[in-house]
Amino acid sequence: MLGLSILSTLLVCIVSRNNSEGKPSPTTTAKPKKGILVVIGGNPSHAWGAKFMKTQIPNGIKNNYIILSRNWKVLNSIDKLKADIKKIKRRTGLKKVYVIGFSKGGDAVFKLLQSYKPTYVGLIDPAIPANWKKSSLNLKITMIWGSTSMVNEFANRHQMLHNKIIANGGKSFRCVKNHFTAVKKYFKEYFRSQ
């Protein structure tokens, strides 16, 4: 059993040497990871995308997960995202996949949920596509929502999604006052390792 733990740690170190942009990442002490954390940012990508998402994740979470960050346009290449997740799972032996979408990244999460079931889903003041009901919602889901701009844009969809998440045993909180500070709030107050 100890040998498997050491092997898992070595594989995590090898995989975590490169970040999502393929640039070398500084490595610290290697310890087993809890899972793969896929974070999908908002629009515009240069301001609220993958890089922004990575800056919002506390170090305590970053140190415990392999982070795969993507811009919201990943919704046009969901198969590539699934292949990246599968590759990391195969290399590391990790089984748990946490998918978090912020704002327009919510669209990508809903598209992913039509053909993939992660361990856990987080939605942060998400954009909600008209066809959101096609997505599998029988999962562990936590959503925070409520900024004026998003509620105005998506009208009843937030409330309907809130009701569906609660009915399926998930958690949903109308607590977002500022759309652009919601990611930090989510990771500080609502993200829990499952």
Foldseek 3Di string as FASTA:
>chain_A
DVVLQVQLQVLVVVVLQAAQVRDGDDDDDTHHAQEAEEEEWDPPCVVTGQVVLVVLADPVNVNRHRYHGGYLVCLVVLVVVVVVRVVSCVSNVGDAYEYEYAASNVVSVLSNQLPDAGQEYEYFQYQADPVSVSGDLLHAYEYEHAAPVSCVVRPCPLVVVQVVNVVSVYYYYDDDHDSSCRSNVCNVPPDDRD
